[in-house]
């Protein structure tokens, strides 16, 4: 993958908390010069990654599993191994995470918008209103 991953290290940390507890605590480290990015445990043949969280404090776990299922329907529909792959998982409480890997970044914004719109409609009953730059 040559110059694409021409950096020493990249650490990404995500922390999302409710008033009562942590909801997401995530940390990962990429070191392409020490560990191959092409490993299936890292990026494989993909060059881009995306993560989307849909969180609503107090939403019953059964409803979040239903949302997870609906998001995974979209993920199965749009995943094309070698081009992009997506999947959704319920968090331990109060939310769902969607992750994707893509060979090119071109389709990521529109794909995330599909997940966002479904999750927003499910959680609030309202359509997502994209930022002006996405319109």
C-alpha atoms as a PDB file:
ATOM      1  CA  UNK A   1       0.000   0.000   0.000  1.00  0.00           C
ATOM      2  CA  UNK A   2       3.114   2.168  -0.125  1.00  0.00           C
ATOM      3  CA  UNK A   3       2.623   5.882   0.412  1.00  0.00           C
ATOM      4  CA  UNK A   4      -1.046   5.559   1.345  1.00  0.00           C
ATOM      5  CA  UNK A   5      -0.158   4.578   4.915  1.00  0.00           C
ATOM      6  CA  UNK A   6       3.108   6.550   5.095  1.00  0.00           C
ATOM      7  CA  UNK A   7       2.917   7.568   8.750  1.00  0.00           C
ATOM      8  CA  UNK A   8       4.546   6.237  11.895  1.00  0.00           C
ATOM      9  CA  UNK A   9       1.454   5.929  14.065  1.00  0.00           C
ATOM     10  CA  UNK A  10      -2.133   7.028  14.450  1.00  0.00           C
ATOM     11  CA  UNK A  11      -4.058   6.662  17.700  1.00  0.00           C
ATOM     12  CA  UNK A  12      -7.819   7.171  17.657  1.00  0.00           C
ATOM     13  CA  UNK A  13      -9.764   7.416  20.884  1.00  0.00           C
ATOM     14  CA  UNK A  14     -13.502   7.790  21.271  1.00  0.00           C
ATOM     15  CA  UNK A  15     -15.276   8.374  24.570  1.00  0.00           C
ATOM     16  CA  UNK A  16     -19.017   8.876  24.863  1.00  0.00           C
ATOM     17  CA  UNK A  17     -20.604   9.197  28.302  1.00  0.00           C
ATOM     18  CA  UNK A  18     -24.080   9.635  29.654  1.00  0.00           C
ATOM     19  CA  UNK A  19     -24.603  11.274  33.023  1.00  0.00           C
ATOM     20  CA  UNK A  20     -24.721   7.791  34.550  1.00  0.00           C
ATOM     21  CA  UNK A  21     -21.941   5.856  32.804  1.00  0.00           C
ATOM     22  CA  UNK A  22     -19.575   5.495  29.868  1.00  0.00           C
ATOM     23  CA  UNK A  23     -21.332   4.339  26.693  1.00  0.00           C
ATOM     24  CA  UNK A  24     -18.339   4.062  24.345  1.00  0.00           C
ATOM     25  CA  UNK A  25     -14.681   3.747  25.339  1.00  0.00           C
ATOM     26  CA  UNK A  26     -12.578   2.934  22.329  1.00  0.00           C
ATOM     27  CA  UNK A  27      -8.899   3.259  21.566  1.00  0.00           C
ATOM     28  CA  UNK A  28      -6.914   1.854  18.712  1.00  0.00           C
ATOM     29  CA  UNK A  29      -3.439   2.356  17.366  1.00  0.00           C
ATOM     30  CA  UNK A  30      -2.306   1.955  13.772  1.00  0.00           C
ATOM     31  CA  UNK A  31       1.423   1.579  13.138  1.00  0.00           C
ATOM     32  CA  UNK A  32       1.798   0.712   9.452  1.00  0.00           C
ATOM     33  CA  UNK A  33       5.596   0.520   9.571  1.00  0.00           C
ATOM     34  CA  UNK A  34       5.468  -2.018  12.417  1.00  0.00           C
ATOM     35  CA  UNK A  35       2.321  -3.999  11.511  1.00  0.00           C
ATOM     36  CA  UNK A  36       0.962  -4.515   8.015  1.00  0.00           C
ATOM     37  CA  UNK A  37      -2.222  -2.550   7.337  1.00  0.00           C
ATOM     38  CA  UNK A  38      -3.192  -5.278   4.867  1.00  0.00           C
ATOM     39  CA  UNK A  39      -3.745  -7.744   7.702  1.00  0.00           C
ATOM     40  CA  UNK A  40      -7.371  -8.876   8.015  1.00  0.00           C
ATOM     41  CA  UNK A  41      -7.153  -7.745  11.663  1.00  0.00           C
ATOM     42  CA  UNK A  42      -6.573  -4.169  10.493  1.00  0.00           C
ATOM     43  CA  UNK A  43      -7.656  -2.766   7.122  1.00  0.00           C
ATOM     44  CA  UNK A  44      -7.223  -5.718   4.766  1.00  0.00           C
ATOM     45  CA  UNK A  45      -7.438  -4.434   1.201  1.00  0.00           C
ATOM     46  CA  UNK A  46      -9.451  -1.358   2.266  1.00  0.00           C
ATOM     47  CA  UNK A  47      -8.053   2.170   2.532  1.00  0.00           C
ATOM     48  CA  UNK A  48     -10.856   3.975   4.413  1.00  0.00           C
ATOM     49  CA  UNK A  49     -12.819   3.412   7.582  1.00  0.00           C
ATOM     50  CA  UNK A  50     -15.935   5.029   9.019  1.00  0.00           C
ATOM     51  CA  UNK A  51     -17.832   4.765  12.288  1.00  0.00           C
ATOM     52  CA  UNK A  52     -21.328   6.019  13.135  1.00  0.00           C
ATOM     53  CA  UNK A  53     -22.971   5.964  16.573  1.00  0.00           C
ATOM     54  CA  UNK A  54     -26.725   6.284  17.194  1.00  0.00           C
ATOM     55  CA  UNK A  55     -27.348   6.875  20.895  1.00  0.00           C
ATOM     56  CA  UNK A  56     -30.498   7.553  22.880  1.00  0.00           C
ATOM     57  CA  UNK A  57     -30.273   7.323  26.654  1.00  0.00           C
ATOM     58  CA  UNK A  58     -32.921   5.062  28.172  1.00  0.00           C
ATOM     59  CA  UNK A  59     -34.003   3.357  24.932  1.00  0.00           C
ATOM     60  CA  UNK A  60     -34.937  -0.275  25.781  1.00  0.00           C
ATOM     61  CA  UNK A  61     -32.376  -2.893  24.727  1.00  0.00           C
ATOM     62  CA  UNK A  62     -34.983  -4.785  22.675  1.00  0.00           C
ATOM     63  CA  UNK A  63     -35.669  -1.674  20.597  1.00  0.00           C
ATOM     64  CA  UNK A  64     -31.946  -1.091  20.072  1.00  0.00           C
ATOM     65  CA  UNK A  65     -31.601  -4.683  18.845  1.00  0.00           C
ATOM     66  CA  UNK A  66     -34.419  -3.918  16.391  1.00  0.00           C
ATOM     67  CA  UNK A  67     -32.523  -0.820  15.213  1.00  0.00           C
ATOM     68  CA  UNK A  68     -29.351  -2.905  14.915  1.00  0.00           C
ATOM     69  CA  UNK A  69     -31.248  -5.371  12.716  1.00  0.00           C
ATOM     70  CA  UNK A  70     -32.615  -2.606  10.468  1.00  0.00           C
ATOM     71  CA  UNK A  71     -29.163  -1.024  10.109  1.00  0.00           C
ATOM     72  CA  UNK A  72     -27.701  -4.433   9.258  1.00  0.00           C
ATOM     73  CA  UNK A  73     -30.304  -4.815   6.494  1.00  0.00           C
ATOM     74  CA  UNK A  74     -28.846  -1.698   4.869  1.00  0.00           C
ATOM     75  CA  UNK A  75     -25.315  -2.962   5.572  1.00  0.00           C
ATOM     76  CA  UNK A  76     -26.009  -6.267   3.802  1.00  0.00           C
ATOM     77  CA  UNK A  77     -27.648  -4.462   0.873  1.00  0.00           C
ATOM     78  CA  UNK A  78     -24.743  -2.071   0.241  1.00  0.00           C
ATOM     79  CA  UNK A  79     -21.740  -4.225   1.192  1.00  0.00           C
ATOM     80  CA  UNK A  80     -19.695  -5.388  -1.754  1.00  0.00           C
ATOM     81  CA  UNK A  81     -16.599  -7.309  -0.624  1.00  0.00           C
ATOM     82  CA  UNK A  82     -13.526  -5.700  -2.136  1.00  0.00           C
ATOM     83  CA  UNK A  83     -15.346  -2.358  -2.514  1.00  0.00           C
ATOM     84  CA  UNK A  84     -16.920  -1.744   0.903  1.00  0.00           C
ATOM     85  CA  UNK A  85     -18.233  -3.726   3.852  1.00  0.00           C
ATOM     86  CA  UNK A  86     -20.493  -2.529   6.684  1.00  0.00           C
ATOM     87  CA  UNK A  87     -21.970  -3.920   9.866  1.00  0.00           C
ATOM     88  CA  UNK A  88     -23.941  -2.735  12.904  1.00  0.00           C
ATOM     89  CA  UNK A  89     -23.842  -3.838  16.541  1.00  0.00           C
ATOM     90  CA  UNK A  90     -25.829  -2.788  19.580  1.00  0.00           C
ATOM     91  CA  UNK A  91     -23.768  -1.156  22.310  1.00  0.00           C
ATOM     92  CA  UNK A  92     -23.924  -2.556  25.849  1.00  0.00           C
ATOM     93  CA  UNK A  93     -26.642   0.031  26.490  1.00  0.00           C
ATOM     94  CA  UNK A  94     -28.300   3.082  24.978  1.00  0.00           C
ATOM     95  CA  UNK A  95     -27.077   2.819  21.391  1.00  0.00           C
ATOM     96  CA  UNK A  96     -25.837   1.152  18.239  1.00  0.00           C
ATOM     97  CA  UNK A  97     -22.554   1.439  16.329  1.00  0.00           C
ATOM     98  CA  UNK A  98     -22.131   1.051  12.562  1.00  0.00           C
ATOM     99  CA  UNK A  99     -18.672   0.444  11.107  1.00  0.00           C
ATOM    100  CA  UNK A 100     -17.470   0.322   7.557  1.00  0.00           C
ATOM    101  CA  UNK A 101     -14.377  -0.280   5.498  1.00  0.00           C
ATOM    102  CA  UNK A 102     -14.133   1.007   1.928  1.00  0.00           C
ATOM    103  CA  UNK A 103     -11.614   0.837  -0.893  1.00  0.00           C
ATOM    104  CA  UNK A 104     -12.443   4.439  -1.825  1.00  0.00           C
ATOM    105  CA  UNK A 105     -13.887   7.280   0.250  1.00  0.00           C
ATOM    106  CA  UNK A 106     -16.251   8.368  -2.545  1.00  0.00           C
ATOM    107  CA  UNK A 107     -19.351   6.494  -1.317  1.00  0.00           C
ATOM    108  CA  UNK A 108     -18.825   6.868   2.440  1.00  0.00           C
ATOM    109  CA  UNK A 109     -20.733  10.170   2.966  1.00  0.00           C
ATOM    110  CA  UNK A 110     -23.878   8.986   1.160  1.00  0.00           C
ATOM    111  CA  UNK A 111     -23.712   5.623   2.916  1.00  0.00           C
ATOM    112  CA  UNK A 112     -23.387   7.225   6.350  1.00  0.00           C
ATOM    113  CA  UNK A 113     -26.340   9.480   5.478  1.00  0.00           C
ATOM    114  CA  UNK A 114     -28.484   6.375   4.830  1.00  0.00           C
ATOM    115  CA  UNK A 115     -27.584   4.930   8.241  1.00  0.00           C
ATOM    116  CA  UNK A 116     -28.125   8.310   9.916  1.00  0.00           C
ATOM    117  CA  UNK A 117     -31.517   8.829   8.315  1.00  0.00           C
ATOM    118  CA  UNK A 118     -32.777   5.388   9.334  1.00  0.00           C
ATOM    119  CA  UNK A 119     -31.454   5.732  12.889  1.00  0.00           C
ATOM    120  CA  UNK A 120     -32.862   9.240  13.330  1.00  0.00           C
ATOM    121  CA  UNK A 121     -36.274   8.212  12.004  1.00  0.00           C
ATOM    122  CA  UNK A 122     -36.255   5.158  14.305  1.00  0.00           C
ATOM    123  CA  UNK A 123     -35.152   7.068  17.418  1.00  0.00           C
ATOM    124  CA  UNK A 124     -36.986  10.385  16.971  1.00  0.00           C
ATOM    125  CA  UNK A 125     -39.592   9.868  14.253  1.00  0.00           C
ATOM    126  CA  UNK A 126     -37.949  12.657  12.239  1.00  0.00           C
ATOM    127  CA  UNK A 127     -35.898  12.646   9.043  1.00  0.00           C
ATOM    128  CA  UNK A 128     -32.225  13.527   9.306  1.00  0.00           C
ATOM    129  CA  UNK A 129     -31.427  17.020   8.036  1.00  0.00           C
ATOM    130  CA  UNK A 130     -28.041  16.859   6.336  1.00  0.00           C
ATOM    131  CA  UNK A 131     -25.503  19.645   6.718  1.00  0.00           C
ATOM    132  CA  UNK A 132     -25.617  22.137   3.860  1.00  0.00           C
ATOM    133  CA  UNK A 133     -22.448  20.728   2.290  1.00  0.00           C
ATOM    134  CA  UNK A 134     -24.110  17.323   1.792  1.00  0.00           C
ATOM    135  CA  UNK A 135     -27.210  18.692   0.058  1.00  0.00           C
END
